[in-house]
């Protein structure tokens, strides 16, 4: 039955590896309900989102770099100390650039974490992909961002639409 559905001659289960081989031209086949204008719209949204994340400069760019270096677990006090400014100055200068520490923190680590969990990755897989030293460190940081455990978030949002504007 699986062979007929997938158009293959051989299907094996309980093998040491999971793999699928097909002609490269198969990737060019349009899905039955494909809509070119919808695809272009979502591709543009993805491009805009990626550009907005890449285009951080000035202090907000430096804060993002430090958050990434610290694995997203650093608070404002730590980042301000790394930048040799007070927390109040950090907040004021970020506001001048039209952003906040929380927004940068969510953008840098929080949103990708949400997207990984929505895409059905386990908490362990998400923590590993985001570079956390342990699952508990990731879970603690996630609880700080979202007010709930990553496992609960993943179960309640799995498969939902993840594109943000």
C-alpha atoms as a PDB file:
ATOM      1  CA  UNK A   1       0.000   0.000   0.000  1.00  0.00           C
ATOM      2  CA  UNK A   2       2.768   2.480   0.910  1.00  0.00           C
ATOM      3  CA  UNK A   3       4.625   1.657  -2.292  1.00  0.00           C
ATOM      4  CA  UNK A   4       1.564   2.515  -4.366  1.00  0.00           C
ATOM      5  CA  UNK A   5       0.966   5.778  -2.504  1.00  0.00           C
ATOM      6  CA  UNK A   6       4.583   6.927  -2.824  1.00  0.00           C
ATOM      7  CA  UNK A   7       5.159   5.439  -6.253  1.00  0.00           C
ATOM      8  CA  UNK A   8       8.045   3.193  -5.198  1.00  0.00           C
ATOM      9  CA  UNK A   9       8.732  -0.478  -5.577  1.00  0.00           C
ATOM     10  CA  UNK A  10      10.367  -1.195  -2.240  1.00  0.00           C
ATOM     11  CA  UNK A  11       9.294  -0.085   1.237  1.00  0.00           C
ATOM     12  CA  UNK A  12      11.063  -1.359   4.344  1.00  0.00           C
ATOM     13  CA  UNK A  13      10.277  -0.852   8.013  1.00  0.00           C
ATOM     14  CA  UNK A  14      12.379  -1.215  11.181  1.00  0.00           C
ATOM     15  CA  UNK A  15      15.586  -0.478   9.300  1.00  0.00           C
ATOM     16  CA  UNK A  16      18.697   1.073  10.906  1.00  0.00           C
ATOM     17  CA  UNK A  17      18.301   4.169   8.690  1.00  0.00           C
ATOM     18  CA  UNK A  18      15.366   6.171   7.409  1.00  0.00           C
ATOM     19  CA  UNK A  19      15.855   7.334   3.849  1.00  0.00           C
ATOM     20  CA  UNK A  20      13.928   8.147   0.752  1.00  0.00           C
ATOM     21  CA  UNK A  21      15.292   8.395  -2.785  1.00  0.00           C
ATOM     22  CA  UNK A  22      13.536  10.001  -5.729  1.00  0.00           C
ATOM     23  CA  UNK A  23      14.277  11.860  -8.928  1.00  0.00           C
ATOM     24  CA  UNK A  24      15.399  15.483  -8.403  1.00  0.00           C
ATOM     25  CA  UNK A  25      12.735  16.584 -10.888  1.00  0.00           C
ATOM     26  CA  UNK A  26      10.101  15.474  -8.361  1.00  0.00           C
ATOM     27  CA  UNK A  27      10.952  18.559  -6.302  1.00  0.00           C
ATOM     28  CA  UNK A  28       9.713  20.733  -9.166  1.00  0.00           C
ATOM     29  CA  UNK A  29       6.264  19.112  -9.183  1.00  0.00           C
ATOM     30  CA  UNK A  30       3.596  21.528  -7.976  1.00  0.00           C
ATOM     31  CA  UNK A  31       1.336  20.423  -5.171  1.00  0.00           C
ATOM     32  CA  UNK A  32      -2.260  19.803  -6.286  1.00  0.00           C
ATOM     33  CA  UNK A  33      -3.557  22.875  -4.437  1.00  0.00           C
ATOM     34  CA  UNK A  34      -0.524  25.105  -5.062  1.00  0.00           C
ATOM     35  CA  UNK A  35      -1.201  28.809  -5.450  1.00  0.00           C
ATOM     36  CA  UNK A  36       1.609  30.834  -6.978  1.00  0.00           C
ATOM     37  CA  UNK A  37       0.475  34.222  -5.607  1.00  0.00           C
ATOM     38  CA  UNK A  38       0.136  32.818  -2.082  1.00  0.00           C
ATOM     39  CA  UNK A  39       3.595  31.258  -2.328  1.00  0.00           C
ATOM     40  CA  UNK A  40       5.079  34.596  -3.458  1.00  0.00           C
ATOM     41  CA  UNK A  41       3.326  36.411  -0.608  1.00  0.00           C
ATOM     42  CA  UNK A  42       4.771  34.049   2.023  1.00  0.00           C
ATOM     43  CA  UNK A  43       8.208  34.061   0.424  1.00  0.00           C
ATOM     44  CA  UNK A  44       8.189  37.872   0.616  1.00  0.00           C
ATOM     45  CA  UNK A  45       7.107  37.747   4.268  1.00  0.00           C
ATOM     46  CA  UNK A  46       9.993  35.391   5.042  1.00  0.00           C
ATOM     47  CA  UNK A  47      12.448  37.622   3.179  1.00  0.00           C
ATOM     48  CA  UNK A  48      11.182  40.720   5.039  1.00  0.00           C
ATOM     49  CA  UNK A  49      11.452  38.963   8.394  1.00  0.00           C
ATOM     50  CA  UNK A  50      14.984  37.774   7.682  1.00  0.00           C
ATOM     51  CA  UNK A  51      16.017  41.246   6.510  1.00  0.00           C
ATOM     52  CA  UNK A  52      14.623  42.918   9.619  1.00  0.00           C
ATOM     53  CA  UNK A  53      16.584  40.480  11.787  1.00  0.00           C
ATOM     54  CA  UNK A  54      19.792  41.009   9.806  1.00  0.00           C
ATOM     55  CA  UNK A  55      19.507  44.775   9.624  1.00  0.00           C
ATOM     56  CA  UNK A  56      19.993  45.503  13.313  1.00  0.00           C
ATOM     57  CA  UNK A  57      22.849  47.945  13.684  1.00  0.00           C
ATOM     58  CA  UNK A  58      24.121  50.315  16.337  1.00  0.00           C
ATOM     59  CA  UNK A  59      23.487  49.411  19.940  1.00  0.00           C
ATOM     60  CA  UNK A  60      20.632  47.037  19.127  1.00  0.00           C
ATOM     61  CA  UNK A  61      22.952  45.069  16.841  1.00  0.00           C
ATOM     62  CA  UNK A  62      25.566  44.838  19.589  1.00  0.00           C
ATOM     63  CA  UNK A  63      22.905  43.730  22.102  1.00  0.00           C
ATOM     64  CA  UNK A  64      21.767  41.007  19.683  1.00  0.00           C
ATOM     65  CA  UNK A  65      25.342  39.784  19.289  1.00  0.00           C
ATOM     66  CA  UNK A  66      25.795  39.644  23.056  1.00  0.00           C
ATOM     67  CA  UNK A  67      22.495  37.809  23.513  1.00  0.00           C
ATOM     68  CA  UNK A  68      23.583  35.243  20.955  1.00  0.00           C
ATOM     69  CA  UNK A  69      26.986  34.892  22.615  1.00  0.00           C
ATOM     70  CA  UNK A  70      25.310  34.341  26.003  1.00  0.00           C
ATOM     71  CA  UNK A  71      22.847  31.854  24.542  1.00  0.00           C
ATOM     72  CA  UNK A  72      19.911  34.193  25.069  1.00  0.00           C
ATOM     73  CA  UNK A  73      20.036  33.734  28.831  1.00  0.00           C
ATOM     74  CA  UNK A  74      21.636  37.073  29.765  1.00  0.00           C
ATOM     75  CA  UNK A  75      19.503  39.730  31.416  1.00  0.00           C
ATOM     76  CA  UNK A  76      19.658  43.505  30.927  1.00  0.00           C
ATOM     77  CA  UNK A  77      22.073  43.932  33.818  1.00  0.00           C
ATOM     78  CA  UNK A  78      24.591  41.537  32.294  1.00  0.00           C
ATOM     79  CA  UNK A  79      24.299  43.030  28.802  1.00  0.00           C
ATOM     80  CA  UNK A  80      24.581  46.589  30.172  1.00  0.00           C
ATOM     81  CA  UNK A  81      27.719  45.578  32.086  1.00  0.00           C
ATOM     82  CA  UNK A  82      29.193  43.999  28.939  1.00  0.00           C
ATOM     83  CA  UNK A  83      28.550  47.282  27.117  1.00  0.00           C
ATOM     84  CA  UNK A  84      29.895  49.331  30.056  1.00  0.00           C
ATOM     85  CA  UNK A  85      26.677  51.342  30.426  1.00  0.00           C
ATOM     86  CA  UNK A  86      23.952  51.477  33.076  1.00  0.00           C
ATOM     87  CA  UNK A  87      20.704  49.571  32.596  1.00  0.00           C
ATOM     88  CA  UNK A  88      18.877  52.895  32.403  1.00  0.00           C
ATOM     89  CA  UNK A  89      21.225  54.118  29.632  1.00  0.00           C
ATOM     90  CA  UNK A  90      20.812  50.817  27.792  1.00  0.00           C
ATOM     91  CA  UNK A  91      17.026  51.159  27.887  1.00  0.00           C
ATOM     92  CA  UNK A  92      17.114  54.793  26.802  1.00  0.00           C
ATOM     93  CA  UNK A  93      19.478  54.175  23.890  1.00  0.00           C
ATOM     94  CA  UNK A  94      17.497  51.159  22.696  1.00  0.00           C
ATOM     95  CA  UNK A  95      14.323  53.273  22.849  1.00  0.00           C
ATOM     96  CA  UNK A  96      16.088  55.876  20.683  1.00  0.00           C
ATOM     97  CA  UNK A  97      16.644  53.090  18.135  1.00  0.00           C
ATOM     98  CA  UNK A  98      12.962  52.137  18.345  1.00  0.00           C
ATOM     99  CA  UNK A  99      13.305  48.847  20.192  1.00  0.00           C
ATOM    100  CA  UNK A 100      13.451  47.320  23.661  1.00  0.00           C
ATOM    101  CA  UNK A 101      15.633  44.726  25.332  1.00  0.00           C
ATOM    102  CA  UNK A 102      12.686  42.337  25.537  1.00  0.00           C
ATOM    103  CA  UNK A 103      11.980  42.722  21.809  1.00  0.00           C
ATOM    104  CA  UNK A 104      15.618  41.998  20.958  1.00  0.00           C
ATOM    105  CA  UNK A 105      15.687  39.025  23.309  1.00  0.00           C
ATOM    106  CA  UNK A 106      12.531  37.549  21.794  1.00  0.00           C
ATOM    107  CA  UNK A 107      13.760  38.251  18.267  1.00  0.00           C
ATOM    108  CA  UNK A 108      17.145  36.699  18.902  1.00  0.00           C
ATOM    109  CA  UNK A 109      16.173  33.534  20.722  1.00  0.00           C
ATOM    110  CA  UNK A 110      12.521  33.543  21.738  1.00  0.00           C
ATOM    111  CA  UNK A 111      10.893  33.617  18.306  1.00  0.00           C
ATOM    112  CA  UNK A 112      13.154  30.948  16.811  1.00  0.00           C
ATOM    113  CA  UNK A 113      12.474  28.795  19.890  1.00  0.00           C
ATOM    114  CA  UNK A 114       8.729  29.194  19.397  1.00  0.00           C
ATOM    115  CA  UNK A 115       9.017  28.368  15.700  1.00  0.00           C
ATOM    116  CA  UNK A 116      11.013  25.201  16.399  1.00  0.00           C
ATOM    117  CA  UNK A 117       8.458  23.998  18.954  1.00  0.00           C
ATOM    118  CA  UNK A 118       5.525  24.837  16.661  1.00  0.00           C
ATOM    119  CA  UNK A 119       7.279  22.842  13.922  1.00  0.00           C
ATOM    120  CA  UNK A 120       7.033  19.764  16.191  1.00  0.00           C
ATOM    121  CA  UNK A 121      10.626  19.606  17.411  1.00  0.00           C
ATOM    122  CA  UNK A 122      10.999  18.260  20.930  1.00  0.00           C
ATOM    123  CA  UNK A 123      12.164  20.520  23.740  1.00  0.00           C
ATOM    124  CA  UNK A 124      15.499  18.676  23.669  1.00  0.00           C
ATOM    125  CA  UNK A 125      15.909  19.206  19.923  1.00  0.00           C
ATOM    126  CA  UNK A 126      15.016  22.913  20.177  1.00  0.00           C
ATOM    127  CA  UNK A 127      17.469  23.444  23.056  1.00  0.00           C
ATOM    128  CA  UNK A 128      20.199  21.693  21.080  1.00  0.00           C
ATOM    129  CA  UNK A 129      19.534  23.672  17.873  1.00  0.00           C
ATOM    130  CA  UNK A 130      19.607  26.962  19.778  1.00  0.00           C
ATOM    131  CA  UNK A 131      22.920  26.071  21.440  1.00  0.00           C
ATOM    132  CA  UNK A 132      21.799  25.685  25.041  1.00  0.00           C
ATOM    133  CA  UNK A 133      24.110  23.718  27.306  1.00  0.00           C
ATOM    134  CA  UNK A 134      21.158  21.894  28.862  1.00  0.00           C
ATOM    135  CA  UNK A 135      17.452  21.377  28.391  1.00  0.00           C
ATOM    136  CA  UNK A 136      16.800  22.857  31.835  1.00  0.00           C
ATOM    137  CA  UNK A 137      18.596  26.106  30.899  1.00  0.00           C
ATOM    138  CA  UNK A 138      16.468  26.356  27.760  1.00  0.00           C
ATOM    139  CA  UNK A 139      13.275  25.567  29.662  1.00  0.00           C
ATOM    140  CA  UNK A 140      14.074  28.204  32.272  1.00  0.00           C
ATOM    141  CA  UNK A 141      14.748  30.865  29.631  1.00  0.00           C
ATOM    142  CA  UNK A 142      11.604  29.900  27.721  1.00  0.00           C
ATOM    143  CA  UNK A 143       9.492  30.160  30.881  1.00  0.00           C
ATOM    144  CA  UNK A 144      10.865  33.679  31.362  1.00  0.00           C
ATOM    145  CA  UNK A 145       9.839  34.704  27.809  1.00  0.00           C
ATOM    146  CA  UNK A 146       6.470  33.009  27.560  1.00  0.00           C
ATOM    147  CA  UNK A 147       5.345  32.316  31.132  1.00  0.00           C
ATOM    148  CA  UNK A 148       4.918  28.607  30.371  1.00  0.00           C
ATOM    149  CA  UNK A 149       7.065  25.571  29.802  1.00  0.00           C
ATOM    150  CA  UNK A 150       8.354  24.910  26.283  1.00  0.00           C
ATOM    151  CA  UNK A 151       6.702  21.478  26.341  1.00  0.00           C
ATOM    152  CA  UNK A 152       3.286  22.957  27.095  1.00  0.00           C
ATOM    153  CA  UNK A 153       3.777  25.677  24.483  1.00  0.00           C
ATOM    154  CA  UNK A 154       4.804  23.114  21.853  1.00  0.00           C
ATOM    155  CA  UNK A 155       1.842  20.826  22.550  1.00  0.00           C
ATOM    156  CA  UNK A 156      -0.693  23.660  22.487  1.00  0.00           C
ATOM    157  CA  UNK A 157       0.691  25.389  19.361  1.00  0.00           C
ATOM    158  CA  UNK A 158       1.982  22.470  17.296  1.00  0.00           C
ATOM    159  CA  UNK A 159       1.322  22.875  13.596  1.00  0.00           C
ATOM    160  CA  UNK A 160       0.059  26.451  13.834  1.00  0.00           C
ATOM    161  CA  UNK A 161       1.030  29.209  11.418  1.00  0.00           C
ATOM    162  CA  UNK A 162       4.418  30.720  12.430  1.00  0.00           C
ATOM    163  CA  UNK A 163       4.930  33.688  10.064  1.00  0.00           C
ATOM    164  CA  UNK A 164       4.982  36.963  12.001  1.00  0.00           C
ATOM    165  CA  UNK A 165       4.610  40.466  10.704  1.00  0.00           C
END
